[in-house]
Amino acid sequence: MTLKAFRYSGNKTKLLSLYKEPPKETKRIIECYLGSGAYTLNSSLPTICYEINKSLCEMWWWLQRTTAKELHELDKFIRDEKKKAASIGKKANVKNMKLEIGPETYVRVNVCSVVVGQLSSWSIYPQNHLPISNTIECLSRIRDMEIRNESCNAYQHQENDLLFVDPPYIGTVGNYMGSKREDHEKSYQPNDTVDLVNSTSNSIIFTYGSNAEEIFPMYEWITVKKICVPNMRKGGTVDRYEKVSYIHWKEEEPINLFS
């Protein structure tokens, strides 16, 4: 069973089984753009996670110290707020709930917006519910994670790390808007990721979307899955391709039985 703490646009949980296993000498996981934390959550190794969005970090830090009881209390509070708003023909608005940034962000990524997982809306959609049980299953692992609110370019090479690199998709700016309307993706520069890759000789799992070859032509890409997703602007659906590149990969050498 794979762990998934919350809904998040671009979550890689369903793709984890399609990636190569870490090299056997791997001692630590470095998740370079934390987001949903899919790779880290499903690893038992020590980890350092980098995330530039302060609101997302506040959510992760809050999850590190919250309890199952507090999560159930938050769930009841949100359900009650939805009922109150529905009784007057409106949607509940998280801005009016006076939550701390951590639980506020948790609510927003799970139940706000038509496409949940985006920090682009404050209104709670009635059909969306908090995934409390899934989150509780992840709490013990989350408490073991080291989460840093800084650019992954602060990473310093250490032997036997495995880097999981899943940077923002250019063009989906809503995913990176915080409570102060910071838009981190507009400031995202692909060359920063290239610099990160060049800063280490450790193995890297680099994931990206359909335009991987266009944005990062210097790497070899493998398509791992085709996904049909809603076209939110024009209606209908569009095909999206999930791709991966294995960089500085340490393939296991075959044993020569006759040497």
C-alpha atoms as a PDB file:
ATOM      1  CA  MET A   1       0.000   0.000   0.000  1.00  0.00           C
ATOM      2  CA  THR A   2       1.313   3.450  -0.924  1.00  0.00           C
ATOM      3  CA  LEU A   3       0.965   6.400   1.432  1.00  0.00           C
ATOM      4  CA  LYS A   4      -0.648   9.665   0.363  1.00  0.00           C
ATOM      5  CA  ALA A   5      -1.077  12.353   3.023  1.00  0.00           C
ATOM      6  CA  PHE A   6      -3.306  14.756   1.087  1.00  0.00           C
ATOM      7  CA  ARG A   7      -4.588  15.633  -2.358  1.00  0.00           C
ATOM      8  CA  TYR A   8      -2.162  17.652  -4.435  1.00  0.00           C
ATOM      9  CA  SER A   9      -1.921  18.555  -8.100  1.00  0.00           C
ATOM     10  CA  GLY A  10       0.996  16.694  -9.678  1.00  0.00           C
ATOM     11  CA  ASN A  11       1.114  14.057  -6.934  1.00  0.00           C
ATOM     12  CA  LYS A  12       3.366  11.176  -8.053  1.00  0.00           C
ATOM     13  CA  THR A  13       2.026   8.473  -5.710  1.00  0.00           C
ATOM     14  CA  LYS A  14       0.453   6.428  -8.525  1.00  0.00           C
ATOM     15  CA  LEU A  15       3.692   6.525 -10.525  1.00  0.00           C
ATOM     16  CA  LEU A  16       6.097   5.330  -7.833  1.00  0.00           C
ATOM     17  CA  SER A  17       5.908   1.684  -8.920  1.00  0.00           C
ATOM     18  CA  LEU A  18       6.955   2.723 -12.448  1.00  0.00           C
ATOM     19  CA  TYR A  19      10.287   4.195 -11.338  1.00  0.00           C
ATOM     20  CA  LYS A  20      13.509   2.263 -10.847  1.00  0.00           C
ATOM     21  CA  GLU A  21      14.411   1.064  -7.377  1.00  0.00           C
ATOM     22  CA  PRO A  22      17.076   3.183  -5.628  1.00  0.00           C
ATOM     23  CA  PRO A  23      20.676   1.986  -5.995  1.00  0.00           C
ATOM     24  CA  LYS A  24      21.461  -0.468  -3.197  1.00  0.00           C
ATOM     25  CA  GLU A  25      24.064   1.842  -1.620  1.00  0.00           C
ATOM     26  CA  THR A  26      21.544   4.662  -1.115  1.00  0.00           C
ATOM     27  CA  LYS A  27      21.718   6.047   2.433  1.00  0.00           C
ATOM     28  CA  ARG A  28      19.461   9.106   2.237  1.00  0.00           C
ATOM     29  CA  ILE A  29      16.643  10.535   0.094  1.00  0.00           C
ATOM     30  CA  ILE A  30      16.716  14.166  -1.005  1.00  0.00           C
ATOM     31  CA  GLU A  31      13.286  15.319  -2.224  1.00  0.00           C
ATOM     32  CA  CYS A  32      14.124  18.513  -4.041  1.00  0.00           C
ATOM     33  CA  TYR A  33      10.653  19.994  -4.630  1.00  0.00           C
ATOM     34  CA  LEU A  34       8.614  18.586  -1.748  1.00  0.00           C
ATOM     35  CA  GLY A  35       5.017  19.380  -2.784  1.00  0.00           C
ATOM     36  CA  SER A  36       3.016  16.238  -1.950  1.00  0.00           C
ATOM     37  CA  GLY A  37       6.082  14.393  -0.639  1.00  0.00           C
ATOM     38  CA  ALA A  38       5.035  11.222  -2.450  1.00  0.00           C
ATOM     39  CA  TYR A  39       8.516   9.745  -2.813  1.00  0.00           C
ATOM     40  CA  THR A  40       9.645  10.530   0.728  1.00  0.00           C
ATOM     41  CA  LEU A  41       6.441   9.266   2.341  1.00  0.00           C
ATOM     42  CA  ASN A  42       6.919   5.881   0.722  1.00  0.00           C
ATOM     43  CA  SER A  43      10.567   5.490   1.670  1.00  0.00           C
ATOM     44  CA  SER A  44      11.948   4.363   5.021  1.00  0.00           C
ATOM     45  CA  LEU A  45      15.332   6.065   4.559  1.00  0.00           C
ATOM     46  CA  PRO A  46      16.420   9.304   6.251  1.00  0.00           C
ATOM     47  CA  THR A  47      15.374  12.291   4.185  1.00  0.00           C
ATOM     48  CA  ILE A  48      15.820  15.998   3.592  1.00  0.00           C
ATOM     49  CA  CYS A  49      12.973  17.776   1.806  1.00  0.00           C
ATOM     50  CA  TYR A  50      13.221  21.228   0.204  1.00  0.00           C
ATOM     51  CA  GLU A  51      10.182  23.427  -0.456  1.00  0.00           C
ATOM     52  CA  ILE A  52      10.241  27.112  -1.373  1.00  0.00           C
ATOM     53  CA  ASN A  53       6.545  27.737  -0.659  1.00  0.00           C
ATOM     54  CA  LYS A  54       6.288  28.812   2.992  1.00  0.00           C
ATOM     55  CA  SER A  55       2.576  27.945   3.230  1.00  0.00           C
ATOM     56  CA  LEU A  56       3.271  24.334   2.173  1.00  0.00           C
ATOM     57  CA  CYS A  57       6.114  24.092   4.690  1.00  0.00           C
ATOM     58  CA  GLU A  58       3.816  25.408   7.432  1.00  0.00           C
ATOM     59  CA  MET A  59       1.362  22.651   6.521  1.00  0.00           C
ATOM     60  CA  TRP A  60       4.029  19.947   6.674  1.00  0.00           C
ATOM     61  CA  TRP A  61       5.385  21.273   9.987  1.00  0.00           C
ATOM     62  CA  TRP A  62       1.844  21.329  11.380  1.00  0.00           C
ATOM     63  CA  LEU A  63       1.325  17.708  10.262  1.00  0.00           C
ATOM     64  CA  GLN A  64       4.524  16.774  12.097  1.00  0.00           C
ATOM     65  CA  ARG A  65       3.053  17.903  15.410  1.00  0.00           C
ATOM     66  CA  THR A  66      -0.698  17.323  14.981  1.00  0.00           C
ATOM     67  CA  THR A  67      -2.598  14.290  16.250  1.00  0.00           C
ATOM     68  CA  ALA A  68      -5.363  12.048  14.928  1.00  0.00           C
ATOM     69  CA  LYS A  69      -7.756  13.659  17.422  1.00  0.00           C
ATOM     70  CA  GLU A  70      -6.952  17.146  16.149  1.00  0.00           C
ATOM     71  CA  LEU A  71      -7.418  16.041  12.546  1.00  0.00           C
ATOM     72  CA  HIS A  72     -10.855  14.622  13.337  1.00  0.00           C
ATOM     73  CA  GLU A  73     -11.757  17.875  15.119  1.00  0.00           C
ATOM     74  CA  LEU A  74     -10.681  19.865  12.053  1.00  0.00           C
ATOM     75  CA  ASP A  75     -12.766  17.581   9.849  1.00  0.00           C
ATOM     76  CA  LYS A  76     -15.863  18.167  11.999  1.00  0.00           C
ATOM     77  CA  PHE A  77     -15.246  21.917  11.962  1.00  0.00           C
ATOM     78  CA  ILE A  78     -15.037  21.988   8.161  1.00  0.00           C
ATOM     79  CA  ARG A  79     -18.160  19.839   7.783  1.00  0.00           C
ATOM     80  CA  ASP A  80     -20.069  22.203  10.083  1.00  0.00           C
ATOM     81  CA  GLU A  81     -18.844  25.251   8.131  1.00  0.00           C
ATOM     82  CA  LYS A  82     -19.968  23.654   4.869  1.00  0.00           C
ATOM     83  CA  LYS A  83     -23.434  23.018   6.290  1.00  0.00           C
ATOM     84  CA  LYS A  84     -23.760  26.609   7.553  1.00  0.00           C
ATOM     85  CA  ALA A  85     -22.777  28.016   4.170  1.00  0.00           C
ATOM     86  CA  ALA A  86     -25.060  25.609   2.277  1.00  0.00           C
ATOM     87  CA  SER A  87     -28.024  26.663   4.420  1.00  0.00           C
ATOM     88  CA  ILE A  88     -27.796  30.164   2.919  1.00  0.00           C
ATOM     89  CA  GLY A  89     -26.908  28.981  -0.584  1.00  0.00           C
ATOM     90  CA  LYS A  90     -23.196  29.754  -0.427  1.00  0.00           C
ATOM     91  CA  LYS A  91     -19.839  27.970  -0.326  1.00  0.00           C
ATOM     92  CA  ALA A  92     -17.796  28.096   2.864  1.00  0.00           C
ATOM     93  CA  ASN A  93     -14.732  30.337   2.578  1.00  0.00           C
ATOM     94  CA  VAL A  94     -11.495  29.386   4.336  1.00  0.00           C
ATOM     95  CA  LYS A  95     -10.493  33.058   4.656  1.00  0.00           C
ATOM     96  CA  ASN A  96     -13.272  33.513   7.219  1.00  0.00           C
ATOM     97  CA  MET A  97     -12.281  30.573   9.428  1.00  0.00           C
ATOM     98  CA  LYS A  98      -9.303  32.124  11.260  1.00  0.00           C
ATOM     99  CA  LEU A  99      -7.198  28.976  10.992  1.00  0.00           C
ATOM    100  CA  GLU A 100      -3.435  28.953  11.428  1.00  0.00           C
ATOM    101  CA  ILE A 101      -1.442  28.722   8.187  1.00  0.00           C
ATOM    102  CA  GLY A 102      -0.705  24.987   8.593  1.00  0.00           C
ATOM    103  CA  PRO A 103      -4.275  23.657   8.887  1.00  0.00           C
ATOM    104  CA  GLU A 104      -5.514  26.424   6.570  1.00  0.00           C
ATOM    105  CA  THR A 105      -3.224  25.191   3.802  1.00  0.00           C
ATOM    106  CA  TYR A 106      -4.196  21.568   4.501  1.00  0.00           C
ATOM    107  CA  VAL A 107      -7.851  22.506   4.028  1.00  0.00           C
ATOM    108  CA  ARG A 108      -7.143  24.487   0.865  1.00  0.00           C
ATOM    109  CA  VAL A 109      -5.185  21.782  -0.939  1.00  0.00           C
ATOM    110  CA  ASN A 110      -7.827  19.187  -0.123  1.00  0.00           C
ATOM    111  CA  VAL A 111     -11.242  20.777  -0.511  1.00  0.00           C
ATOM    112  CA  CYS A 112     -10.874  24.147  -2.273  1.00  0.00           C
ATOM    113  CA  SER A 113     -11.073  24.548  -6.062  1.00  0.00           C
ATOM    114  CA  VAL A 114     -12.570  22.267  -8.711  1.00  0.00           C
ATOM    115  CA  VAL A 115      -9.113  20.725  -9.106  1.00  0.00           C
ATOM    116  CA  VAL A 116      -8.069  20.002  -5.546  1.00  0.00           C
ATOM    117  CA  GLY A 117      -4.414  20.308  -4.629  1.00  0.00           C
ATOM    118  CA  GLN A 118      -4.050  23.824  -5.969  1.00  0.00           C
ATOM    119  CA  LEU A 119      -3.507  26.916  -3.840  1.00  0.00           C
ATOM    120  CA  SER A 120      -5.645  28.982  -6.174  1.00  0.00           C
ATOM    121  CA  SER A 121      -8.976  29.098  -4.348  1.00  0.00           C
ATOM    122  CA  TRP A 122     -10.409  29.808  -0.905  1.00  0.00           C
ATOM    123  CA  SER A 123     -13.934  28.481  -1.472  1.00  0.00           C
ATOM    124  CA  ILE A 124     -14.760  24.969  -0.259  1.00  0.00           C
ATOM    125  CA  TYR A 125     -16.453  22.815  -2.863  1.00  0.00           C
ATOM    126  CA  PRO A 126     -19.261  20.739  -1.280  1.00  0.00           C
ATOM    127  CA  GLN A 127     -18.241  17.499  -3.041  1.00  0.00           C
ATOM    128  CA  ASN A 128     -14.703  17.595  -1.601  1.00  0.00           C
ATOM    129  CA  HIS A 129     -13.837  16.067   1.779  1.00  0.00           C
ATOM    130  CA  LEU A 130     -10.710  16.017   3.939  1.00  0.00           C
ATOM    131  CA  PRO A 131      -8.796  12.706   3.569  1.00  0.00           C
ATOM    132  CA  ILE A 132      -8.390  12.324   7.336  1.00  0.00           C
ATOM    133  CA  SER A 133      -7.788   8.546   7.408  1.00  0.00           C
ATOM    134  CA  ASN A 134      -5.094   8.749   4.724  1.00  0.00           C
ATOM    135  CA  THR A 135      -3.360  11.587   6.550  1.00  0.00           C
ATOM    136  CA  ILE A 136      -3.385   9.753   9.876  1.00  0.00           C
ATOM    137  CA  GLU A 137      -1.700   6.741   8.231  1.00  0.00           C
ATOM    138  CA  CYS A 138       1.174   9.038   7.237  1.00  0.00           C
ATOM    139  CA  LEU A 139       1.758  10.856  10.543  1.00  0.00           C
ATOM    140  CA  SER A 140       4.529   8.642  11.916  1.00  0.00           C
ATOM    141  CA  ARG A 141       6.526   8.912   8.690  1.00  0.00           C
ATOM    142  CA  ILE A 142       5.932  12.678   8.442  1.00  0.00           C
ATOM    143  CA  ARG A 143       7.420  13.175  11.913  1.00  0.00           C
ATOM    144  CA  ASP A 144      10.685  11.617  10.671  1.00  0.00           C
ATOM    145  CA  MET A 145      11.002  13.982   7.700  1.00  0.00           C
ATOM    146  CA  GLU A 146      13.409  16.924   7.736  1.00  0.00           C
ATOM    147  CA  ILE A 147      11.649  19.785   5.933  1.00  0.00           C
ATOM    148  CA  ARG A 148      13.523  22.928   4.906  1.00  0.00           C
ATOM    149  CA  ASN A 149      11.868  26.088   3.630  1.00  0.00           C
ATOM    150  CA  GLU A 150      14.554  26.906   1.096  1.00  0.00           C
ATOM    151  CA  SER A 151      15.539  26.276  -2.489  1.00  0.00           C
ATOM    152  CA  CYS A 152      16.842  22.811  -3.282  1.00  0.00           C
ATOM    153  CA  ASN A 153      19.893  24.550  -4.731  1.00  0.00           C
ATOM    154  CA  ALA A 154      21.014  24.830  -1.110  1.00  0.00           C
ATOM    155  CA  TYR A 155      21.638  21.065  -1.240  1.00  0.00           C
ATOM    156  CA  GLN A 156      25.245  20.064  -0.575  1.00  0.00           C
ATOM    157  CA  HIS A 157      26.520  16.856  -2.124  1.00  0.00           C
ATOM    158  CA  GLN A 158      26.899  13.889   0.180  1.00  0.00           C
ATOM    159  CA  GLU A 159      27.877  10.449  -1.044  1.00  0.00           C
ATOM    160  CA  ASN A 160      25.115   7.862  -1.467  1.00  0.00           C
ATOM    161  CA  ASP A 161      22.216  10.293  -1.558  1.00  0.00           C
ATOM    162  CA  LEU A 162      19.395   9.699  -4.034  1.00  0.00           C
ATOM    163  CA  LEU A 163      17.805  12.881  -5.384  1.00  0.00           C
ATOM    164  CA  PHE A 164      14.137  12.816  -6.359  1.00  0.00           C
ATOM    165  CA  VAL A 165      13.589  15.847  -8.603  1.00  0.00           C
ATOM    166  CA  ASP A 166      10.013  16.780  -9.516  1.00  0.00           C
ATOM    167  CA  PRO A 167      10.025  20.536 -10.293  1.00  0.00           C
ATOM    168  CA  PRO A 168       6.994  22.735 -11.080  1.00  0.00           C
ATOM    169  CA  TYR A 169       5.330  22.329 -14.447  1.00  0.00           C
ATOM    170  CA  ILE A 170       5.605  25.597 -16.301  1.00  0.00           C
ATOM    171  CA  GLY A 171       2.132  26.987 -16.931  1.00  0.00           C
ATOM    172  CA  THR A 172       0.316  25.717 -13.818  1.00  0.00           C
ATOM    173  CA  VAL A 173       0.918  28.790 -11.697  1.00  0.00           C
ATOM    174  CA  GLY A 174      -2.062  28.184  -9.399  1.00  0.00           C
ATOM    175  CA  ASN A 175      -0.273  25.288  -7.700  1.00  0.00           C
ATOM    176  CA  TYR A 176       2.307  27.585  -6.186  1.00  0.00           C
ATOM    177  CA  MET A 177       0.215  30.490  -4.897  1.00  0.00           C
ATOM    178  CA  GLY A 178       0.433  30.982  -1.151  1.00  0.00           C
ATOM    179  CA  SER A 179      -1.799  32.866   1.241  1.00  0.00           C
ATOM    180  CA  LYS A 180      -0.056  36.115   0.350  1.00  0.00           C
ATOM    181  CA  ARG A 181      -0.523  35.439  -3.367  1.00  0.00           C
ATOM    182  CA  GLU A 182       3.142  34.668  -3.869  1.00  0.00           C
ATOM    183  CA  ASP A 183       3.531  32.933  -7.200  1.00  0.00           C
ATOM    184  CA  HIS A 184       6.651  30.822  -6.875  1.00  0.00           C
ATOM    185  CA  GLU A 185       6.310  29.141 -10.229  1.00  0.00           C
ATOM    186  CA  LYS A 186       6.609  32.429 -12.113  1.00  0.00           C
ATOM    187  CA  SER A 187      10.058  32.757 -10.562  1.00  0.00           C
ATOM    188  CA  TYR A 188      10.983  29.112 -11.257  1.00  0.00           C
ATOM    189  CA  GLN A 189      13.900  28.875 -13.659  1.00  0.00           C
ATOM    190  CA  PRO A 190      14.639  25.493 -15.298  1.00  0.00           C
ATOM    191  CA  ASN A 191      18.340  26.359 -15.226  1.00  0.00           C
ATOM    192  CA  ASP A 192      18.176  26.190 -11.428  1.00  0.00           C
ATOM    193  CA  THR A 193      17.287  22.512 -11.751  1.00  0.00           C
ATOM    194  CA  VAL A 194      20.089  21.982 -14.258  1.00  0.00           C
ATOM    195  CA  ASP A 195      22.511  23.606 -11.800  1.00  0.00           C
ATOM    196  CA  LEU A 196      21.269  21.275  -9.076  1.00  0.00           C
ATOM    197  CA  VAL A 197      21.809  18.214 -11.285  1.00  0.00           C
ATOM    198  CA  ASN A 198      25.308  19.424 -12.147  1.00  0.00           C
ATOM    199  CA  SER A 199      26.170  19.968  -8.475  1.00  0.00           C
ATOM    200  CA  THR A 200      26.229  16.271  -7.617  1.00  0.00           C
ATOM    201  CA  SER A 201      27.360  12.909  -8.951  1.00  0.00           C
ATOM    202  CA  ASN A 202      24.682  11.070  -6.972  1.00  0.00           C
ATOM    203  CA  SER A 203      21.891   9.173  -8.707  1.00  0.00           C
ATOM    204  CA  ILE A 204      18.845  11.245  -9.638  1.00  0.00           C
ATOM    205  CA  ILE A 205      15.253  10.359 -10.503  1.00  0.00           C
ATOM    206  CA  PHE A 206      14.071  13.390 -12.490  1.00  0.00           C
ATOM    207  CA  THR A 207      10.360  13.475 -13.333  1.00  0.00           C
ATOM    208  CA  TYR A 208       8.565  15.908 -15.617  1.00  0.00           C
ATOM    209  CA  GLY A 209       5.569  16.252 -17.918  1.00  0.00           C
ATOM    210  CA  SER A 210       4.832  16.247 -21.634  1.00  0.00           C
ATOM    211  CA  ASN A 211       7.291  18.999 -22.552  1.00  0.00           C
ATOM    212  CA  ALA A 212      10.265  17.430 -20.767  1.00  0.00           C
ATOM    213  CA  GLU A 213      12.352  17.179 -23.951  1.00  0.00           C
ATOM    214  CA  GLU A 214      11.600  20.810 -24.792  1.00  0.00           C
ATOM    215  CA  ILE A 215      12.440  22.254 -21.371  1.00  0.00           C
ATOM    216  CA  PHE A 216      15.294  19.860 -20.539  1.00  0.00           C
ATOM    217  CA  PRO A 217      16.702  18.604 -23.875  1.00  0.00           C
ATOM    218  CA  MET A 218      20.041  17.667 -22.317  1.00  0.00           C
ATOM    219  CA  TYR A 219      18.588  14.554 -20.629  1.00  0.00           C
ATOM    220  CA  GLU A 220      17.245  11.270 -21.964  1.00  0.00           C
ATOM    221  CA  TRP A 221      13.539  10.842 -21.202  1.00  0.00           C
ATOM    222  CA  ILE A 222      11.344   7.758 -20.846  1.00  0.00           C
ATOM    223  CA  THR A 223       7.556   7.979 -20.974  1.00  0.00           C
ATOM    224  CA  VAL A 224       6.151   6.041 -18.018  1.00  0.00           C
ATOM    225  CA  LYS A 225       2.448   6.830 -18.394  1.00  0.00           C
ATOM    226  CA  LYS A 226      -0.134   8.649 -20.509  1.00  0.00           C
ATOM    227  CA  ILE A 227      -2.850  10.391 -18.523  1.00  0.00           C
ATOM    228  CA  CYS A 228      -6.105  11.895 -19.800  1.00  0.00           C
ATOM    229  CA  VAL A 229      -6.791  15.065 -17.798  1.00  0.00           C
ATOM    230  CA  PRO A 230      -9.524  17.754 -17.911  1.00  0.00           C
ATOM    231  CA  ASN A 231      -8.782  20.850 -19.972  1.00  0.00           C
ATOM    232  CA  MET A 232      -9.913  23.445 -17.432  1.00  0.00           C
ATOM    233  CA  ARG A 233      -9.682  26.387 -19.839  1.00  0.00           C
ATOM    234  CA  LYS A 234     -11.168  25.006 -23.043  1.00  0.00           C
ATOM    235  CA  GLY A 235     -13.249  22.077 -21.805  1.00  0.00           C
ATOM    236  CA  GLY A 236     -12.934  18.431 -22.759  1.00  0.00           C
ATOM    237  CA  THR A 237      -9.775  16.494 -22.018  1.00  0.00           C
ATOM    238  CA  VAL A 238      -6.158  16.491 -23.092  1.00  0.00           C
ATOM    239  CA  ASP A 239      -3.468  13.792 -23.046  1.00  0.00           C
ATOM    240  CA  ARG A 240      -0.575  14.402 -20.680  1.00  0.00           C
ATOM    241  CA  TYR A 241       2.580  12.325 -20.558  1.00  0.00           C
ATOM    242  CA  GLU A 242       4.515  11.566 -17.397  1.00  0.00           C
ATOM    243  CA  LYS A 243       8.223  11.169 -18.086  1.00  0.00           C
ATOM    244  CA  VAL A 244      11.326  10.255 -16.146  1.00  0.00           C
ATOM    245  CA  SER A 245      15.060  10.617 -16.649  1.00  0.00           C
ATOM    246  CA  TYR A 246      17.685   8.679 -14.693  1.00  0.00           C
ATOM    247  CA  ILE A 247      20.777  10.823 -14.285  1.00  0.00           C
ATOM    248  CA  HIS A 248      24.174   9.771 -12.903  1.00  0.00           C
ATOM    249  CA  TRP A 249      22.484   6.417 -12.489  1.00  0.00           C
ATOM    250  CA  LYS A 250      24.538   3.670 -10.902  1.00  0.00           C
ATOM    251  CA  GLU A 251      23.322   0.535 -12.634  1.00  0.00           C
ATOM    252  CA  GLU A 252      24.144  -2.707 -10.887  1.00  0.00           C
ATOM    253  CA  GLU A 253      27.031  -4.360 -12.702  1.00  0.00           C
ATOM    254  CA  PRO A 254      26.418  -7.986 -13.769  1.00  0.00           C
ATOM    255  CA  ILE A 255      28.485 -10.606 -11.989  1.00  0.00           C
ATOM    256  CA  ASN A 256      31.144 -12.201 -14.214  1.00  0.00           C
ATOM    257  CA  LEU A 257      31.029 -15.849 -13.167  1.00  0.00           C
ATOM    258  CA  PHE A 258      34.133 -16.716 -15.201  1.00  0.00           C
ATOM    259  CA  SER A 259      36.543 -14.021 -14.025  1.00  0.00           C
END
